PDB file of N, CA and C in Angstrom:
ATOM      1  N   MET A   1      -9.039  -8.663   0.121  1.00  0.00           N
ATOM      2  CA  MET A   1      -7.911  -7.738   0.166  1.00  0.00           C
ATOM      3  C   MET A   1      -7.787  -7.093   1.548  1.00  0.00           C
ATOM      4  N   GLU A   2      -8.876  -7.128   2.304  1.00  0.00           N
ATOM      5  CA  GLU A   2      -8.892  -6.479   3.617  1.00  0.00           C
ATOM      6  C   GLU A   2      -7.868  -7.092   4.574  1.00  0.00           C
ATOM      7  N   LYS A   3      -7.667  -8.415   4.504  1.00  0.00           N
ATOM      8  CA  LYS A   3      -6.761  -9.096   5.418  1.00  0.00           C
ATOM      9  C   LYS A   3      -5.332  -9.153   4.895  1.00  0.00           C
ATOM     10  N   MET A   4      -5.065  -8.524   3.780  1.00  0.00           N
ATOM     11  CA  MET A   4      -3.740  -8.543   3.168  1.00  0.00           C
ATOM     12  C   MET A   4      -2.747  -7.779   4.038  1.00  0.00           C
ATOM     13  N   THR A   5      -1.567  -8.358   4.232  1.00  0.00           N
ATOM     14  CA  THR A   5      -0.535  -7.678   5.005  1.00  0.00           C
ATOM     15  C   THR A   5       0.022  -6.498   4.215  1.00  0.00           C
ATOM     16  N   PHE A   6       0.720  -5.613   4.919  1.00  0.00           N
ATOM     17  CA  PHE A   6       1.358  -4.477   4.258  1.00  0.00           C
ATOM     18  C   PHE A   6       2.322  -4.965   3.183  1.00  0.00           C
ATOM     19  N   GLU A   7       3.118  -5.967   3.536  1.00  0.00           N
ATOM     20  CA  GLU A   7       4.124  -6.482   2.608  1.00  0.00           C
ATOM     21  C   GLU A   7       3.491  -7.069   1.358  1.00  0.00           C
ATOM     22  N   ALA A   8       2.387  -7.806   1.536  1.00  0.00           N
ATOM     23  CA  ALA A   8       1.694  -8.394   0.391  1.00  0.00           C
ATOM     24  C   ALA A   8       1.062  -7.303  -0.473  1.00  0.00           C
ATOM     25  N   ALA A   9       0.481  -6.296   0.163  1.00  0.00           N
ATOM     26  CA  ALA A   9      -0.127  -5.193  -0.574  1.00  0.00           C
ATOM     27  C   ALA A   9       0.925  -4.419  -1.366  1.00  0.00           C
ATOM     28  N   ALA A  10       2.065  -4.161  -0.748  1.00  0.00           N
ATOM     29  CA  ALA A  10       3.144  -3.432  -1.432  1.00  0.00           C
ATOM     30  C   ALA A  10       3.694  -4.244  -2.600  1.00  0.00           C
ATOM     31  N   SER A  11       3.821  -5.551  -2.397  1.00  0.00           N
ATOM     32  CA  SER A  11       4.313  -6.417  -3.466  1.00  0.00           C
ATOM     33  C   SER A  11       3.337  -6.437  -4.642  1.00  0.00           C
ATOM     34  N   ARG A  12       2.054  -6.563  -4.338  1.00  0.00           N
ATOM     35  CA  ARG A  12       1.038  -6.565  -5.398  1.00  0.00           C
ATOM     36  C   ARG A  12       1.017  -5.218  -6.117  1.00  0.00           C
ATOM     37  N   LEU A  13       1.185  -4.152  -5.373  1.00  0.00           N
ATOM     38  CA  LEU A  13       1.229  -2.822  -5.973  1.00  0.00           C
ATOM     39  C   LEU A  13       2.409  -2.711  -6.942  1.00  0.00           C
ATOM     40  N   ASP A  14       3.549  -3.272  -6.578  1.00  0.00           N
ATOM     41  CA  ASP A  14       4.707  -3.294  -7.484  1.00  0.00           C
ATOM     42  C   ASP A  14       4.379  -4.056  -8.774  1.00  0.00           C
ATOM     43  N   GLU A  15       3.697  -5.191  -8.625  1.00  0.00           N
ATOM     44  CA  GLU A  15       3.308  -5.972  -9.799  1.00  0.00           C
ATOM     45  C   GLU A  15       2.404  -5.155 -10.722  1.00  0.00           C
ATOM     46  N   ILE A  16       1.462  -4.465 -10.123  1.00  0.00           N
ATOM     47  CA  ILE A  16       0.514  -3.659 -10.905  1.00  0.00           C
ATOM     48  C   ILE A  16       1.245  -2.549 -11.657  1.00  0.00           C
ATOM     49  N   VAL A  17       2.159  -1.881 -10.981  1.00  0.00           N
ATOM     50  CA  VAL A  17       2.927  -0.812 -11.628  1.00  0.00           C
ATOM     51  C   VAL A  17       3.713  -1.368 -12.809  1.00  0.00           C
ATOM     52  N   ASP A  18       4.352  -2.525 -12.610  1.00  0.00           N
ATOM     53  CA  ASP A  18       5.105  -3.140 -13.701  1.00  0.00           C
ATOM     54  C   ASP A  18       4.208  -3.452 -14.896  1.00  0.00           C
ATOM     55  N   LYS A  19       3.033  -4.007 -14.620  1.00  0.00           N
ATOM     56  CA  LYS A  19       2.106  -4.337 -15.702  1.00  0.00           C
ATOM     57  C   LYS A  19       1.623  -3.082 -16.431  1.00  0.00           C
ATOM     58  N   LEU A  20       1.324  -2.039 -15.682  1.00  0.00           N
ATOM     59  CA  LEU A  20       0.857  -0.801 -16.304  1.00  0.00           C
ATOM     60  C   LEU A  20       1.957  -0.130 -17.118  1.00  0.00           C
ATOM     61  N   GLU A  21       3.187  -0.199 -16.637  1.00  0.00           N
ATOM     62  CA  GLU A  21       4.305   0.404 -17.372  1.00  0.00           C
ATOM     63  C   GLU A  21       4.635  -0.380 -18.635  1.00  0.00           C
ATOM     64  N   ASN A  22       4.377  -1.675 -18.616  1.00  0.00           N
ATOM     65  CA  ASN A  22       4.656  -2.521 -19.766  1.00  0.00           C
ATOM     66  C   ASN A  22       3.824  -2.098 -20.969  1.00  0.00           C
ATOM     67  N   GLY A  23       2.563  -1.751 -20.718  1.00  0.00           N
ATOM     68  CA  GLY A  23       1.720  -1.215 -21.780  1.00  0.00           C
ATOM     69  C   GLY A  23       1.088  -2.229 -22.695  1.00  0.00           C
ATOM     70  N   ASN A  24       1.175  -3.515 -22.394  1.00  0.00           N
ATOM     71  CA  ASN A  24       0.595  -4.540 -23.256  1.00  0.00           C
ATOM     72  C   ASN A  24      -0.785  -4.980 -22.773  1.00  0.00           C
ATOM     73  N   LEU A  25      -1.565  -4.044 -22.272  1.00  0.00           N
ATOM     74  CA  LEU A  25      -2.883  -4.351 -21.723  1.00  0.00           C
ATOM     75  C   LEU A  25      -3.966  -3.588 -22.465  1.00  0.00           C
ATOM     76  N   SER A  26      -5.174  -4.136 -22.398  1.00  0.00           N
ATOM     77  CA  SER A  26      -6.302  -3.407 -22.964  1.00  0.00           C
ATOM     78  C   SER A  26      -6.674  -2.271 -22.002  1.00  0.00           C
ATOM     79  N   LEU A  27      -7.453  -1.350 -22.488  1.00  0.00           N
ATOM     80  CA  LEU A  27      -7.882  -0.233 -21.661  1.00  0.00           C
ATOM     81  C   LEU A  27      -8.657  -0.728 -20.437  1.00  0.00           C
ATOM     82  N   ASP A  28      -9.530  -1.705 -20.632  1.00  0.00           N
ATOM     83  CA  ASP A  28     -10.302  -2.258 -19.515  1.00  0.00           C
ATOM     84  C   ASP A  28      -9.390  -2.877 -18.456  1.00  0.00           C
ATOM     85  N   GLU A  29      -8.382  -3.612 -18.906  1.00  0.00           N
ATOM     86  CA  GLU A  29      -7.433  -4.222 -17.965  1.00  0.00           C
ATOM     87  C   GLU A  29      -6.662  -3.144 -17.203  1.00  0.00           C
ATOM     88  N   MET A  30      -6.255  -2.115 -17.911  1.00  0.00           N
ATOM     89  CA  MET A  30      -5.518  -1.029 -17.255  1.00  0.00           C
ATOM     90  C   MET A  30      -6.380  -0.330 -16.209  1.00  0.00           C
ATOM     91  N   ILE A  31      -7.640  -0.115 -16.526  1.00  0.00           N
ATOM     92  CA  ILE A  31      -8.538   0.542 -15.574  1.00  0.00           C
ATOM     93  C   ILE A  31      -8.720  -0.318 -14.328  1.00  0.00           C
ATOM     94  N   LYS A  32      -8.931  -1.621 -14.517  1.00  0.00           N
ATOM     95  CA  LYS A  32      -9.087  -2.535 -13.379  1.00  0.00           C
ATOM     96  C   LYS A  32      -7.826  -2.519 -12.504  1.00  0.00           C
ATOM     97  N   LEU A  33      -6.672  -2.588 -13.135  1.00  0.00           N
ATOM     98  CA  LEU A  33      -5.424  -2.581 -12.381  1.00  0.00           C
ATOM     99  C   LEU A  33      -5.213  -1.242 -11.676  1.00  0.00           C
ATOM    100  N   TYR A  34      -5.568  -0.164 -12.344  1.00  0.00           N
ATOM    101  CA  TYR A  34      -5.436   1.156 -11.737  1.00  0.00           C
ATOM    102  C   TYR A  34      -6.316   1.261 -10.493  1.00  0.00           C
ATOM    103  N   GLU A  35      -7.547   0.780 -10.602  1.00  0.00           N
ATOM    104  CA  GLU A  35      -8.454   0.805  -9.447  1.00  0.00           C
ATOM    105  C   GLU A  35      -7.904  -0.026  -8.296  1.00  0.00           C
ATOM    106  N   GLU A  36      -7.421  -1.226  -8.615  1.00  0.00           N
ATOM    107  CA  GLU A  36      -6.828  -2.072  -7.583  1.00  0.00           C
ATOM    108  C   GLU A  36      -5.602  -1.392  -6.975  1.00  0.00           C
ATOM    109  N   GLY A  37      -4.803  -0.779  -7.814  1.00  0.00           N
ATOM    110  CA  GLY A  37      -3.598  -0.100  -7.345  1.00  0.00           C
ATOM    111  C   GLY A  37      -3.899   1.063  -6.409  1.00  0.00           C
ATOM    112  N   THR A  38      -4.927   1.838  -6.733  1.00  0.00           N
ATOM    113  CA  THR A  38      -5.262   2.963  -5.848  1.00  0.00           C
ATOM    114  C   THR A  38      -5.774   2.461  -4.506  1.00  0.00           C
ATOM    115  N   THR A  39      -6.520   1.359  -4.517  1.00  0.00           N
ATOM    116  CA  THR A  39      -6.989   0.762  -3.261  1.00  0.00           C
ATOM    117  C   THR A  39      -5.805   0.272  -2.429  1.00  0.00           C
ATOM    118  N   LEU A  40      -4.878  -0.401  -3.081  1.00  0.00           N
ATOM    119  CA  LEU A  40      -3.692  -0.907  -2.373  1.00  0.00           C
ATOM    120  C   LEU A  40      -2.818   0.239  -1.855  1.00  0.00           C
ATOM    121  N   ALA A  41      -2.659   1.278  -2.654  1.00  0.00           N
ATOM    122  CA  ALA A  41      -1.856   2.424  -2.227  1.00  0.00           C
ATOM    123  C   ALA A  41      -2.461   3.074  -0.990  1.00  0.00           C
ATOM    124  N   SER A  42      -3.776   3.184  -0.974  1.00  0.00           N
ATOM    125  CA  SER A  42      -4.463   3.752   0.184  1.00  0.00           C
ATOM    126  C   SER A  42      -4.269   2.867   1.412  1.00  0.00           C
ATOM    127  N   LYS A  43      -4.393   1.557   1.230  1.00  0.00           N
ATOM    128  CA  LYS A  43      -4.196   0.613   2.333  1.00  0.00           C
ATOM    129  C   LYS A  43      -2.773   0.729   2.887  1.00  0.00           C
ATOM    130  N   CYS A  44      -1.799   0.815   2.008  1.00  0.00           N
ATOM    131  CA  CYS A  44      -0.395   0.930   2.442  1.00  0.00           C
ATOM    132  C   CYS A  44      -0.163   2.248   3.180  1.00  0.00           C
ATOM    133  N   ALA A  45      -0.727   3.323   2.668  1.00  0.00           N
ATOM    134  CA  ALA A  45      -0.560   4.632   3.306  1.00  0.00           C
ATOM    135  C   ALA A  45      -1.165   4.623   4.711  1.00  0.00           C
ATOM    136  N   LYS A  46      -2.332   4.009   4.867  1.00  0.00           N
ATOM    137  CA  LYS A  46      -2.968   3.925   6.183  1.00  0.00           C
ATOM    138  C   LYS A  46      -2.138   3.085   7.143  1.00  0.00           C
ATOM    139  N   ALA A  47      -1.586   1.989   6.652  1.00  0.00           N
ATOM    140  CA  ALA A  47      -0.750   1.130   7.494  1.00  0.00           C
ATOM    141  C   ALA A  47       0.511   1.876   7.939  1.00  0.00           C
ATOM    142  N   LEU A  48       1.106   2.620   7.036  1.00  0.00           N
ATOM    143  CA  LEU A  48       2.300   3.397   7.392  1.00  0.00           C
ATOM    144  C   LEU A  48       1.966   4.495   8.397  1.00  0.00           C
ATOM    145  N   GLU A  49       0.812   5.118   8.236  1.00  0.00           N
ATOM    146  CA  GLU A  49       0.387   6.154   9.169  1.00  0.00           C
ATOM    147  C   GLU A  49       0.180   5.568  10.565  1.00  0.00           C
ATOM    148  N   LYS A  50      -0.462   4.405  10.640  1.00  0.00           N
ATOM    149  CA  LYS A  50      -0.660   3.734  11.926  1.00  0.00           C
ATOM    150  C   LYS A  50       0.674   3.380  12.570  1.00  0.00           C
ATOM    151  N   ALA A  51       1.596   2.889  11.765  1.00  0.00           N
ATOM    152  CA  ALA A  51       2.920   2.525  12.280  1.00  0.00           C
ATOM    153  C   ALA A  51       3.648   3.766  12.795  1.00  0.00           C
ATOM    154  N   GLN A  52       3.549   4.867  12.076  1.00  0.00           N
ATOM    155  CA  GLN A  52       4.203   6.106  12.489  1.00  0.00           C
ATOM    156  C   GLN A  52       3.633   6.603  13.814  1.00  0.00           C
ATOM    157  N   ILE A  53       2.321   6.524  13.964  1.00  0.00           N
ATOM    158  CA  ILE A  53       1.674   6.942  15.213  1.00  0.00           C
ATOM    159  C   ILE A  53       2.146   6.055  16.355  1.00  0.00           C
ATOM    160  N   LYS A  54       2.172   4.740  16.126  1.00  0.00           N
ATOM    161  CA  LYS A  54       2.603   3.797  17.159  1.00  0.00           C
ATOM    162  C   LYS A  54       4.053   4.057  17.560  1.00  0.00           C
ATOM    163  N   ILE A  55       4.898   4.298  16.608  1.00  0.00           N
ATOM    164  CA  ILE A  55       6.321   4.572  16.881  1.00  0.00           C
ATOM    165  C   ILE A  55       6.449   5.871  17.692  1.00  0.00           C
ATOM    166  N   SER A  56       5.674   6.874  17.303  1.00  0.00           N
ATOM    167  CA  SER A  56       5.694   8.140  18.051  1.00  0.00           C
ATOM    168  C   SER A  56       5.244   7.934  19.482  1.00  0.00           C
ATOM    169  N   GLU A  57       4.186   7.129  19.660  1.00  0.00           N
ATOM    170  CA  GLU A  57       3.691   6.851  21.008  1.00  0.00           C
ATOM    171  C   GLU A  57       4.740   6.119  21.841  1.00  0.00           C
ATOM    172  N   LEU A  58       5.376   5.135  21.234  1.00  0.00           N
ATOM    173  CA  LEU A  58       6.403   4.373  21.949  1.00  0.00           C
ATOM    174  C   LEU A  58       7.596   5.252  22.286  1.00  0.00           C
ATOM    175  N   GLY A  59       7.959   6.117  21.362  1.00  0.00           N
ATOM    176  CA  GLY A  59       9.063   7.050  21.617  1.00  0.00           C
ATOM    177  C   GLY A  59       8.723   8.019  22.729  1.00  0.00           C
ATOM    178  N   GLY A  60       7.477   8.454  22.787  1.00  0.00           N
ATOM    179  CA  GLY A  60       7.019   9.359  23.848  1.00  0.00           C
ATOM    180  C   GLY A  60       7.042   8.684  25.189  1.00  0.00           C
ATOM    181  N   GLU A  61       6.665   7.393  25.235  1.00  0.00           N
ATOM    182  CA  GLU A  61       6.699   6.654  26.489  1.00  0.00           C
ATOM    183  C   GLU A  61       8.124   6.520  26.992  1.00  0.00           C
ATOM    184  N   LYS A  62       9.045   6.289  26.100  1.00  0.00           N
ATOM    185  CA  LYS A  62      10.452   6.133  26.477  1.00  0.00           C
ATOM    186  C   LYS A  62      11.000   7.455  27.013  1.00  0.00           C
ATOM    187  N   ASP A  63      10.648   8.570  26.354  1.00  0.00           N
ATOM    188  CA  ASP A  63      11.111   9.885  26.789  1.00  0.00           C
ATOM    189  C   ASP A  63      10.532  10.260  28.154  1.00  0.00           C
ATOM    190  N   GLY A  64       9.334   9.756  28.451  1.00  0.00           N
ATOM    191  CA  GLY A  64       8.674  10.096  29.697  1.00  0.00           C
ATOM    192  C   GLY A  64       9.181   9.309  30.899  1.00  0.00           C
ATOM    193  N   GLU A  65      10.031   8.332  30.684  1.00  0.00           N
ATOM    194  CA  GLU A  65      10.530   7.497  31.773  1.00  0.00           C
ATOM    195  C   GLU A  65      11.483   8.250  32.656  1.00  0.00           C
TER     196      GLU A  65
END
């Protein structure tokens, strides 16, 4: 999962949410999916934070010209 792109992680997270909302899973399956989902959500949040920092840096460089 470490090498998963942001887009792949977000897509998998959508799948997990759909499965959890469907409600046709055992408790064990729901827990496994929830754990995977929290890991993916954290990965996506970190990727977005990095992108925001990079965009801010690039914007600062442009303003400094």
